[in-house]
PDB file of all heavy atoms in Angstrom:
ATOM      1  N   ASN A   1     190.519 119.871  58.107  1.00  0.00           N
ATOM      2  CA  ASN A   1     189.080 119.643  57.952  1.00  0.00           C
ATOM      3  C   ASN A   1     188.822 118.339  57.202  1.00  0.00           C
ATOM      4  O   ASN A   1     187.893 117.589  57.536  1.00  0.00           O
ATOM      5  CB  ASN A   1     188.427 120.808  57.212  1.00  0.00           C
ATOM      6  CG  ASN A   1     188.283 122.033  58.079  1.00  0.00           C
ATOM      7  OD1 ASN A   1     188.212 121.941  59.307  1.00  0.00           O
ATOM      8  ND2 ASN A   1     188.243 123.205  57.459  1.00  0.00           N
ATOM      9  N   TYR A   2     189.640 118.062  56.183  1.00  0.00           N
ATOM     10  CA  TYR A   2     189.531 116.791  55.465  1.00  0.00           C
ATOM     11  C   TYR A   2     189.784 115.621  56.421  1.00  0.00           C
ATOM     12  O   TYR A   2     189.046 114.634  56.420  1.00  0.00           O
ATOM     13  CB  TYR A   2     190.538 116.739  54.321  1.00  0.00           C
ATOM     14  CG  TYR A   2     190.126 117.418  53.045  1.00  0.00           C
ATOM     15  CD1 TYR A   2     189.341 118.564  53.061  1.00  0.00           C
ATOM     16  CD2 TYR A   2     190.526 116.928  51.811  1.00  0.00           C
ATOM     17  CE1 TYR A   2     188.978 119.189  51.891  1.00  0.00           C
ATOM     18  CE2 TYR A   2     190.158 117.545  50.629  1.00  0.00           C
ATOM     19  CZ  TYR A   2     189.386 118.682  50.677  1.00  0.00           C
ATOM     20  OH  TYR A   2     189.006 119.299  49.513  1.00  0.00           O
ATOM     21  N   GLN A   3     190.844 115.734  57.220  1.00  0.00           N
ATOM     22  CA  GLN A   3     191.187 114.649  58.136  1.00  0.00           C
ATOM     23  C   GLN A   3     190.049 114.390  59.119  1.00  0.00           C
ATOM     24  O   GLN A   3     189.716 113.232  59.426  1.00  0.00           O
ATOM     25  CB  GLN A   3     192.469 114.982  58.893  1.00  0.00           C
ATOM     26  CG  GLN A   3     192.960 113.866  59.800  1.00  0.00           C
ATOM     27  CD  GLN A   3     193.376 112.629  59.031  1.00  0.00           C
ATOM     28  OE1 GLN A   3     194.294 112.669  58.226  1.00  0.00           O
ATOM     29  NE2 GLN A   3     192.690 111.510  59.260  1.00  0.00           N
ATOM     30  N   SER A   4     189.436 115.441  59.611  1.00  0.00           N
ATOM     31  CA  SER A   4     188.328 115.292  60.542  1.00  0.00           C
ATOM     32  C   SER A   4     187.149 114.570  59.891  1.00  0.00           C
ATOM     33  O   SER A   4     186.530 113.674  60.491  1.00  0.00           O
ATOM     34  CB  SER A   4     187.885 116.670  61.054  1.00  0.00           C
ATOM     35  OG  SER A   4     186.796 116.542  61.934  1.00  0.00           O
ATOM     36  N   GLU A   5     186.850 114.920  58.645  1.00  0.00           N
ATOM     37  CA  GLU A   5     185.760 114.253  57.924  1.00  0.00           C
ATOM     38  C   GLU A   5     186.084 112.778  57.678  1.00  0.00           C
ATOM     39  O   GLU A   5     185.206 111.907  57.796  1.00  0.00           O
ATOM     40  CB  GLU A   5     185.499 114.958  56.599  1.00  0.00           C
ATOM     41  CG  GLU A   5     184.904 116.357  56.729  1.00  0.00           C
ATOM     42  CD  GLU A   5     184.680 116.987  55.356  1.00  0.00           C
ATOM     43  OE1 GLU A   5     184.169 116.290  54.455  1.00  0.00           O
ATOM     44  OE2 GLU A   5     185.033 118.166  55.188  1.00  0.00           O
ATOM     45  N   ILE A   6     187.322 112.484  57.325  1.00  0.00           N
ATOM     46  CA  ILE A   6     187.750 111.095  57.095  1.00  0.00           C
ATOM     47  C   ILE A   6     187.635 110.286  58.379  1.00  0.00           C
ATOM     48  O   ILE A   6     187.120 109.157  58.382  1.00  0.00           O
ATOM     49  CB  ILE A   6     189.186 111.069  56.549  1.00  0.00           C
ATOM     50  CG1 ILE A   6     189.220 111.607  55.114  1.00  0.00           C
ATOM     51  CG2 ILE A   6     189.763 109.644  56.599  1.00  0.00           C
ATOM     52  CD1 ILE A   6     190.608 111.908  54.596  1.00  0.00           C
ATOM     53  N   ASP A   7     188.091 110.852  59.486  1.00  0.00           N
ATOM     54  CA  ASP A   7     188.002 110.154  60.776  1.00  0.00           C
ATOM     55  C   ASP A   7     186.554 109.792  61.096  1.00  0.00           C
ATOM     56  O   ASP A   7     186.258 108.677  61.547  1.00  0.00           O
ATOM     57  CB  ASP A   7     188.569 111.038  61.892  1.00  0.00           C
ATOM     58  CG  ASP A   7     190.073 111.169  61.832  1.00  0.00           C
ATOM     59  OD1 ASP A   7     190.716 110.415  61.077  1.00  0.00           O
ATOM     60  OD2 ASP A   7     190.611 112.040  62.540  1.00  0.00           O
ATOM     61  N   THR A   8     185.648 110.742  60.860  1.00  0.00           N
ATOM     62  CA  THR A   8     184.235 110.509  61.157  1.00  0.00           C
ATOM     63  C   THR A   8     183.635 109.461  60.233  1.00  0.00           C
ATOM     64  O   THR A   8     182.949 108.524  60.683  1.00  0.00           O
ATOM     65  CB  THR A   8     183.445 111.826  61.028  1.00  0.00           C
ATOM     66  OG1 THR A   8     183.953 112.778  61.969  1.00  0.00           O
ATOM     67  CG2 THR A   8     181.966 111.600  61.297  1.00  0.00           C
ATOM     68  N   GLN A   9     183.905 109.573  58.937  1.00  0.00           N
ATOM     69  CA  GLN A   9     183.319 108.652  57.965  1.00  0.00           C
ATOM     70  C   GLN A   9     183.774 107.215  58.179  1.00  0.00           C
ATOM     71  O   GLN A   9     182.984 106.270  58.057  1.00  0.00           O
ATOM     72  CB  GLN A   9     183.658 109.102  56.550  1.00  0.00           C
ATOM     73  CG  GLN A   9     183.088 108.195  55.456  1.00  0.00           C
ATOM     74  CD  GLN A   9     183.326 108.751  54.058  1.00  0.00           C
ATOM     75  OE1 GLN A   9     183.461 109.955  53.871  1.00  0.00           O
ATOM     76  NE2 GLN A   9     183.382 107.875  53.071  1.00  0.00           N
ATOM     77  N   PHE A  10     185.059 107.035  58.512  1.00  0.00           N
ATOM     78  CA  PHE A  10     185.618 105.691  58.618  1.00  0.00           C
ATOM     79  C   PHE A  10     185.742 105.208  60.064  1.00  0.00           C
ATOM     80  O   PHE A  10     186.215 104.095  60.299  1.00  0.00           O
ATOM     81  CB  PHE A  10     186.974 105.641  57.926  1.00  0.00           C
ATOM     82  CG  PHE A  10     186.885 105.752  56.427  1.00  0.00           C
ATOM     83  CD1 PHE A  10     186.869 106.988  55.810  1.00  0.00           C
ATOM     84  CD2 PHE A  10     186.778 104.617  55.635  1.00  0.00           C
ATOM     85  CE1 PHE A  10     186.771 107.107  54.427  1.00  0.00           C
ATOM     86  CE2 PHE A  10     186.679 104.717  54.251  1.00  0.00           C
ATOM     87  CZ  PHE A  10     186.663 105.961  53.652  1.00  0.00           C
ATOM     88  N   GLY A  11     185.339 106.035  61.011  1.00  0.00           N
ATOM     89  CA  GLY A  11     185.369 105.625  62.410  1.00  0.00           C
ATOM     90  C   GLY A  11     186.760 105.463  62.980  1.00  0.00           C
ATOM     91  O   GLY A  11     186.985 104.616  63.859  1.00  0.00           O
ATOM     92  N   PHE A  12     187.717 106.272  62.505  1.00  0.00           N
ATOM     93  CA  PHE A  12     189.081 106.165  62.998  1.00  0.00           C
ATOM     94  C   PHE A  12     189.191 106.746  64.410  1.00  0.00           C
ATOM     95  O   PHE A  12     188.580 107.773  64.729  1.00  0.00           O
ATOM     96  CB  PHE A  12     190.050 106.890  62.070  1.00  0.00           C
ATOM     97  CG  PHE A  12     190.178 106.260  60.712  1.00  0.00           C
ATOM     98  CD1 PHE A  12     190.461 107.028  59.591  1.00  0.00           C
ATOM     99  CD2 PHE A  12     190.016 104.888  60.541  1.00  0.00           C
ATOM    100  CE1 PHE A  12     190.575 106.453  58.334  1.00  0.00           C
ATOM    101  CE2 PHE A  12     190.136 104.298  59.294  1.00  0.00           C
ATOM    102  CZ  PHE A  12     190.413 105.084  58.188  1.00  0.00           C
ATOM    103  N   SER A  13     190.003 106.114  65.222  1.00  0.00           N
ATOM    104  CA  SER A  13     190.184 106.503  66.619  1.00  0.00           C
ATOM    105  C   SER A  13     191.465 107.297  66.805  1.00  0.00           C
ATOM    106  O   SER A  13     192.545 106.836  66.430  1.00  0.00           O
ATOM    107  CB  SER A  13     190.223 105.243  67.498  1.00  0.00           C
ATOM    108  OG  SER A  13     190.762 105.522  68.766  1.00  0.00           O
ATOM    109  N   ARG A  14     191.361 108.471  67.398  1.00  0.00           N
ATOM    110  CA  ARG A  14     192.569 109.262  67.677  1.00  0.00           C
ATOM    111  C   ARG A  14     193.469 108.538  68.675  1.00  0.00           C
ATOM    112  O   ARG A  14     194.694 108.645  68.598  1.00  0.00           O
ATOM    113  CB  ARG A  14     192.163 110.640  68.215  1.00  0.00           C
ATOM    114  CG  ARG A  14     193.346 111.554  68.559  1.00  0.00           C
ATOM    115  CD  ARG A  14     194.165 111.892  67.319  1.00  0.00           C
ATOM    116  NE  ARG A  14     195.371 112.617  67.641  1.00  0.00           N
ATOM    117  CZ  ARG A  14     195.487 113.951  67.569  1.00  0.00           C
ATOM    118  NH1 ARG A  14     194.445 114.683  67.186  1.00  0.00           N
ATOM    119  NH2 ARG A  14     196.609 114.562  67.858  1.00  0.00           N
ATOM    120  N   ILE A  15     192.855 107.777  69.573  1.00  0.00           N
ATOM    121  CA  ILE A  15     193.662 107.032  70.551  1.00  0.00           C
ATOM    122  C   ILE A  15     194.544 106.013  69.831  1.00  0.00           C
ATOM    123  O   ILE A  15     195.749 105.896  70.117  1.00  0.00           O
ATOM    124  CB  ILE A  15     192.762 106.334  71.585  1.00  0.00           C
ATOM    125  CG1 ILE A  15     192.045 107.372  72.456  1.00  0.00           C
ATOM    126  CG2 ILE A  15     193.582 105.380  72.461  1.00  0.00           C
ATOM    127  CD1 ILE A  15     191.011 106.777  73.396  1.00  0.00           C
ATOM    128  N   ARG A  16     193.976 105.274  68.892  1.00  0.00           N
ATOM    129  CA  ARG A  16     194.775 104.297  68.152  1.00  0.00           C
ATOM    130  C   ARG A  16     195.831 104.980  67.286  1.00  0.00           C
ATOM    131  O   ARG A  16     196.939 104.447  67.116  1.00  0.00           O
ATOM    132  CB  ARG A  16     193.873 103.410  67.290  1.00  0.00           C
ATOM    133  CG  ARG A  16     193.093 102.378  68.092  1.00  0.00           C
ATOM    134  CD  ARG A  16     192.288 101.463  67.184  1.00  0.00           C
ATOM    135  NE  ARG A  16     193.118 100.648  66.315  1.00  0.00           N
ATOM    136  CZ  ARG A  16     193.685  99.501  66.663  1.00  0.00           C
ATOM    137  NH1 ARG A  16     193.529  99.028  67.891  1.00  0.00           N
ATOM    138  NH2 ARG A  16     194.414  98.805  65.788  1.00  0.00           N
ATOM    139  N   GLU A  17     195.503 106.149  66.742  1.00  0.00           N
ATOM    140  CA  GLU A  17     196.503 106.894  65.970  1.00  0.00           C
ATOM    141  C   GLU A  17     197.680 107.283  66.863  1.00  0.00           C
ATOM    142  O   GLU A  17     198.846 107.205  66.450  1.00  0.00           O
ATOM    143  CB  GLU A  17     195.871 108.138  65.345  1.00  0.00           C
ATOM    144  CG  GLU A  17     194.778 107.860  64.327  1.00  0.00           C
ATOM    145  CD  GLU A  17     195.241 107.033  63.135  1.00  0.00           C
ATOM    146  OE1 GLU A  17     196.419 107.120  62.758  1.00  0.00           O
ATOM    147  OE2 GLU A  17     194.402 106.291  62.589  1.00  0.00           O
ATOM    148  N   ASP A  18     197.389 107.692  68.075  1.00  0.00           N
ATOM    149  CA  ASP A  18     198.465 108.060  69.010  1.00  0.00           C
ATOM    150  C   ASP A  18     199.302 106.843  69.387  1.00  0.00           C
ATOM    151  O   ASP A  18     200.530 106.942  69.531  1.00  0.00           O
ATOM    152  CB  ASP A  18     197.874 108.709  70.264  1.00  0.00           C
ATOM    153  CG  ASP A  18     197.294 110.088  69.993  1.00  0.00           C
ATOM    154  OD1 ASP A  18     197.621 110.679  68.940  1.00  0.00           O
ATOM    155  OD2 ASP A  18     196.510 110.580  70.831  1.00  0.00           O
ATOM    156  N   VAL A  19     198.654 105.691  69.550  1.00  0.00           N
ATOM    157  CA  VAL A  19     199.393 104.459  69.834  1.00  0.00           C
ATOM    158  C   VAL A  19     200.329 104.130  68.674  1.00  0.00           C
ATOM    159  O   VAL A  19     201.501 103.768  68.874  1.00  0.00           O
ATOM    160  CB  VAL A  19     198.428 103.285  70.093  1.00  0.00           C
ATOM    161  CG1 VAL A  19     199.195 101.957  70.150  1.00  0.00           C
ATOM    162  CG2 VAL A  19     197.667 103.494  71.390  1.00  0.00           C
ATOM    163  N   ALA A  20     199.831 104.281  67.448  1.00  0.00           N
ATOM    164  CA  ALA A  20     200.653 104.002  66.257  1.00  0.00           C
ATOM    165  C   ALA A  20     201.846 104.942  66.200  1.00  0.00           C
ATOM    166  O   ALA A  20     202.962 104.527  65.851  1.00  0.00           O
ATOM    167  CB  ALA A  20     199.807 104.143  64.991  1.00  0.00           C
ATOM    168  N   THR A  21     201.639 106.199  66.551  1.00  0.00           N
ATOM    169  CA  THR A  21     202.741 107.163  66.538  1.00  0.00           C
ATOM    170  C   THR A  21     203.794 106.786  67.569  1.00  0.00           C
ATOM    171  O   THR A  21     205.001 106.860  67.296  1.00  0.00           O
ATOM    172  CB  THR A  21     202.214 108.583  66.812  1.00  0.00           C
ATOM    173  OG1 THR A  21     201.250 108.921  65.806  1.00  0.00           O
ATOM    174  CG2 THR A  21     203.344 109.601  66.780  1.00  0.00           C
ATOM    175  N   ARG A  22     203.361 106.370  68.754  1.00  0.00           N
ATOM    176  CA  ARG A  22     204.326 105.964  69.783  1.00  0.00           C
ATOM    177  C   ARG A  22     205.094 104.719  69.342  1.00  0.00           C
ATOM    178  O   ARG A  22     206.310 104.609  69.578  1.00  0.00           O
ATOM    179  CB  ARG A  22     203.614 105.712  71.112  1.00  0.00           C
ATOM    180  CG  ARG A  22     203.108 106.979  71.780  1.00  0.00           C
ATOM    181  CD  ARG A  22     202.788 106.738  73.243  1.00  0.00           C
ATOM    182  NE  ARG A  22     201.708 105.787  73.423  1.00  0.00           N
ATOM    183  CZ  ARG A  22     200.419 106.105  73.431  1.00  0.00           C
ATOM    184  NH1 ARG A  22     200.042 107.371  73.246  1.00  0.00           N
ATOM    185  NH2 ARG A  22     199.492 105.182  73.623  1.00  0.00           N
ATOM    186  N   MET A  23     204.395 103.789  68.695  1.00  0.00           N
ATOM    187  CA  MET A  23     205.082 102.601  68.181  1.00  0.00           C
ATOM    188  C   MET A  23     206.101 102.998  67.118  1.00  0.00           C
ATOM    189  O   MET A  23     207.232 102.487  67.094  1.00  0.00           O
ATOM    190  CB  MET A  23     204.076 101.604  67.608  1.00  0.00           C
ATOM    191  CG  MET A  23     204.727 100.338  67.067  1.00  0.00           C
ATOM    192  SD  MET A  23     203.531  99.157  66.405  1.00  0.00           S
ATOM    193  CE  MET A  23     202.764  98.606  67.923  1.00  0.00           C
ATOM    194  N   ALA A  24     205.712 103.907  66.234  1.00  0.00           N
ATOM    195  CA  ALA A  24     206.621 104.353  65.182  1.00  0.00           C
ATOM    196  C   ALA A  24     207.876 104.995  65.761  1.00  0.00           C
ATOM    197  O   ALA A  24     208.967 104.887  65.183  1.00  0.00           O
ATOM    198  CB  ALA A  24     205.908 105.330  64.250  1.00  0.00           C
ATOM    199  N   SER A  25     207.739 105.642  66.905  1.00  0.00           N
ATOM    200  CA  SER A  25     208.897 106.311  67.518  1.00  0.00           C
ATOM    201  C   SER A  25     209.969 105.321  67.946  1.00  0.00           C
ATOM    202  O   SER A  25     211.123 105.705  68.150  1.00  0.00           O
ATOM    203  CB  SER A  25     208.447 107.140  68.721  1.00  0.00           C
ATOM    204  OG  SER A  25     208.097 106.320  69.821  1.00  0.00           O
ATOM    205  N   ARG A  26     209.596 104.039  68.054  1.00  0.00           N
ATOM    206  CA  ARG A  26     210.563 103.025  68.475  1.00  0.00           C
ATOM    207  C   ARG A  26     211.153 102.245  67.305  1.00  0.00           C
ATOM    208  O   ARG A  26     211.973 101.352  67.500  1.00  0.00           O
ATOM    209  CB  ARG A  26     209.893 102.051  69.458  1.00  0.00           C
ATOM    210  CG  ARG A  26     209.414 102.710  70.740  1.00  0.00           C
ATOM    211  CD  ARG A  26     209.067 101.686  71.790  1.00  0.00           C
ATOM    212  NE  ARG A  26     207.863 100.944  71.456  1.00  0.00           N
ATOM    213  CZ  ARG A  26     206.634 101.305  71.828  1.00  0.00           C
ATOM    214  NH1 ARG A  26     206.450 102.417  72.523  1.00  0.00           N
ATOM    215  NH2 ARG A  26     205.586 100.557  71.496  1.00  0.00           N
ATOM    216  N   ILE A  27     210.709 102.562  66.095  1.00  0.00           N
ATOM    217  CA  ILE A  27     211.197 101.847  64.914  1.00  0.00           C
ATOM    218  C   ILE A  27     212.439 102.534  64.362  1.00  0.00           C
ATOM    219  O   ILE A  27     212.462 103.760  64.184  1.00  0.00           O
ATOM    220  CB  ILE A  27     210.089 101.784  63.845  1.00  0.00           C
ATOM    221  CG1 ILE A  27     208.927 100.920  64.348  1.00  0.00           C
ATOM    222  CG2 ILE A  27     210.636 101.228  62.530  1.00  0.00           C
ATOM    223  CD1 ILE A  27     207.736 100.905  63.420  1.00  0.00           C
ATOM    224  N   LYS A  28     213.444 101.757  64.081  1.00  0.00           N
ATOM    225  CA  LYS A  28     214.696 102.291  63.551  1.00  0.00           C
ATOM    226  C   LYS A  28     214.505 102.768  62.118  1.00  0.00           C
ATOM    227  O   LYS A  28     213.889 102.105  61.298  1.00  0.00           O
ATOM    228  CB  LYS A  28     215.775 101.218  63.576  1.00  0.00           C
ATOM    229  CG  LYS A  28     217.118 101.674  63.012  1.00  0.00           C
ATOM    230  CD  LYS A  28     218.118 100.527  62.997  1.00  0.00           C
ATOM    231  CE  LYS A  28     219.438 100.961  62.370  1.00  0.00           C
ATOM    232  NZ  LYS A  28     220.422  99.859  62.304  1.00  0.00           N
ATOM    233  N   THR A  29     215.021 103.949  61.823  1.00  0.00           N
ATOM    234  CA  THR A  29     215.064 104.452  60.449  1.00  0.00           C
ATOM    235  C   THR A  29     216.520 104.637  60.040  1.00  0.00           C
ATOM    236  O   THR A  29     217.414 104.654  60.887  1.00  0.00           O
ATOM    237  CB  THR A  29     214.310 105.785  60.307  1.00  0.00           C
ATOM    238  OG1 THR A  29     214.905 106.749  61.188  1.00  0.00           O
ATOM    239  CG2 THR A  29     212.843 105.628  60.662  1.00  0.00           C
ATOM    240  N   ASN A  30     216.757 104.756  58.717  1.00  0.00           N
ATOM    241  CA  ASN A  30     218.130 105.011  58.288  1.00  0.00           C
ATOM    242  C   ASN A  30     218.445 106.502  58.402  1.00  0.00           C
ATOM    243  O   ASN A  30     217.612 107.293  58.855  1.00  0.00           O
ATOM    244  CB  ASN A  30     218.374 104.471  56.872  1.00  0.00           C
ATOM    245  CG  ASN A  30     217.441 105.072  55.849  1.00  0.00           C
ATOM    246  OD1 ASN A  30     217.071 106.238  55.935  1.00  0.00           O
ATOM    247  ND2 ASN A  30     217.053 104.281  54.864  1.00  0.00           N
ATOM    248  N   ASP A  31     219.610 106.892  58.004  1.00  0.00           N
ATOM    249  CA  ASP A  31     220.072 108.262  58.227  1.00  0.00           C
ATOM    250  C   ASP A  31     219.759 109.198  57.064  1.00  0.00           C
ATOM    251  O   ASP A  31     220.311 110.290  56.973  1.00  0.00           O
ATOM    252  CB  ASP A  31     221.588 108.261  58.482  1.00  0.00           C
ATOM    253  CG  ASP A  31     221.945 107.548  59.778  1.00  0.00           C
ATOM    254  OD1 ASP A  31     221.130 107.609  60.708  1.00  0.00           O
ATOM    255  OD2 ASP A  31     223.021 106.928  59.844  1.00  0.00           O
ATOM    256  N   ILE A  32     218.888 108.782  56.181  1.00  0.00           N
ATOM    257  CA  ILE A  32     218.545 109.605  55.020  1.00  0.00           C
ATOM    258  C   ILE A  32     217.597 110.723  55.419  1.00  0.00           C
ATOM    259  O   ILE A  32     216.662 110.519  56.200  1.00  0.00           O
ATOM    260  CB  ILE A  32     217.894 108.730  53.927  1.00  0.00           C
ATOM    261  CG1 ILE A  32     218.922 107.749  53.352  1.00  0.00           C
ATOM    262  CG2 ILE A  32     217.295 109.581  52.808  1.00  0.00           C
ATOM    263  CD1 ILE A  32     218.327 106.715  52.421  1.00  0.00           C
ATOM    264  N   THR A  33     217.850 111.938  54.923  1.00  0.00           N
ATOM    265  CA  THR A  33     216.903 113.035  55.078  1.00  0.00           C
ATOM    266  C   THR A  33     216.075 113.108  53.812  1.00  0.00           C
ATOM    267  O   THR A  33     216.557 113.517  52.750  1.00  0.00           O
ATOM    268  CB  THR A  33     217.639 114.373  55.317  1.00  0.00           C
ATOM    269  OG1 THR A  33     218.457 114.240  56.484  1.00  0.00           O
ATOM    270  CG2 THR A  33     216.646 115.512  55.518  1.00  0.00           C
ATOM    271  N   ILE A  34     214.814 112.703  53.917  1.00  0.00           N
ATOM    272  CA  ILE A  34     213.998 112.549  52.705  1.00  0.00           C
ATOM    273  C   ILE A  34     213.761 113.876  52.000  1.00  0.00           C
ATOM    274  O   ILE A  34     213.638 113.936  50.775  1.00  0.00           O
ATOM    275  CB  ILE A  34     212.666 111.841  53.047  1.00  0.00           C
ATOM    276  CG1 ILE A  34     212.066 111.207  51.789  1.00  0.00           C
ATOM    277  CG2 ILE A  34     211.693 112.770  53.736  1.00  0.00           C
ATOM    278  CD1 ILE A  34     212.845 110.048  51.246  1.00  0.00           C
ATOM    279  N   ALA A  35     213.742 114.975  52.751  1.00  0.00           N
ATOM    280  CA  ALA A  35     213.544 116.289  52.130  1.00  0.00           C
ATOM    281  C   ALA A  35     214.676 116.617  51.169  1.00  0.00           C
ATOM    282  O   ALA A  35     214.462 117.258  50.127  1.00  0.00           O
ATOM    283  CB  ALA A  35     213.428 117.367  53.207  1.00  0.00           C
ATOM    284  N   ASP A  36     215.892 116.187  51.492  1.00  0.00           N
ATOM    285  CA  ASP A  36     217.035 116.451  50.613  1.00  0.00           C
ATOM    286  C   ASP A  36     216.931 115.666  49.308  1.00  0.00           C
ATOM    287  O   ASP A  36     217.484 116.074  48.282  1.00  0.00           O
ATOM    288  CB  ASP A  36     218.343 116.079  51.322  1.00  0.00           C
ATOM    289  CG  ASP A  36     218.645 116.993  52.496  1.00  0.00           C
ATOM    290  OD1 ASP A  36     218.078 118.102  52.554  1.00  0.00           O
ATOM    291  OD2 ASP A  36     219.438 116.584  53.371  1.00  0.00           O
ATOM    292  N   ILE A  37     216.247 114.549  49.341  1.00  0.00           N
ATOM    293  CA  ILE A  37     216.095 113.723  48.146  1.00  0.00           C
ATOM    294  C   ILE A  37     214.974 114.249  47.258  1.00  0.00           C
ATOM    295  O   ILE A  37     215.104 114.329  46.039  1.00  0.00           O
ATOM    296  CB  ILE A  37     215.816 112.266  48.554  1.00  0.00           C
ATOM    297  CG1 ILE A  37     217.036 111.694  49.284  1.00  0.00           C
ATOM    298  CG2 ILE A  37     215.464 111.414  47.334  1.00  0.00           C
ATOM    299  CD1 ILE A  37     216.786 110.352  49.919  1.00  0.00           C
ATOM    300  N   VAL A  38     213.856 114.634  47.870  1.00  0.00           N
ATOM    301  CA  VAL A  38     212.667 115.015  47.106  1.00  0.00           C
ATOM    302  C   VAL A  38     212.744 116.443  46.583  1.00  0.00           C
ATOM    303  O   VAL A  38     212.342 116.736  45.457  1.00  0.00           O
ATOM    304  CB  VAL A  38     211.401 114.822  47.966  1.00  0.00           C
ATOM    305  CG1 VAL A  38     210.159 115.344  47.239  1.00  0.00           C
ATOM    306  CG2 VAL A  38     211.228 113.351  48.339  1.00  0.00           C
TER     307      VAL A  38
END
């Protein structure tokens, strides 16, 4: 519900968010599992 309100207030586009996610899927990450660290 917070995310929905933020999207509306700031005019964020779900389409652009999906594009960003697809771009992120192509970015190399290291082999660290962050949950094990935190």
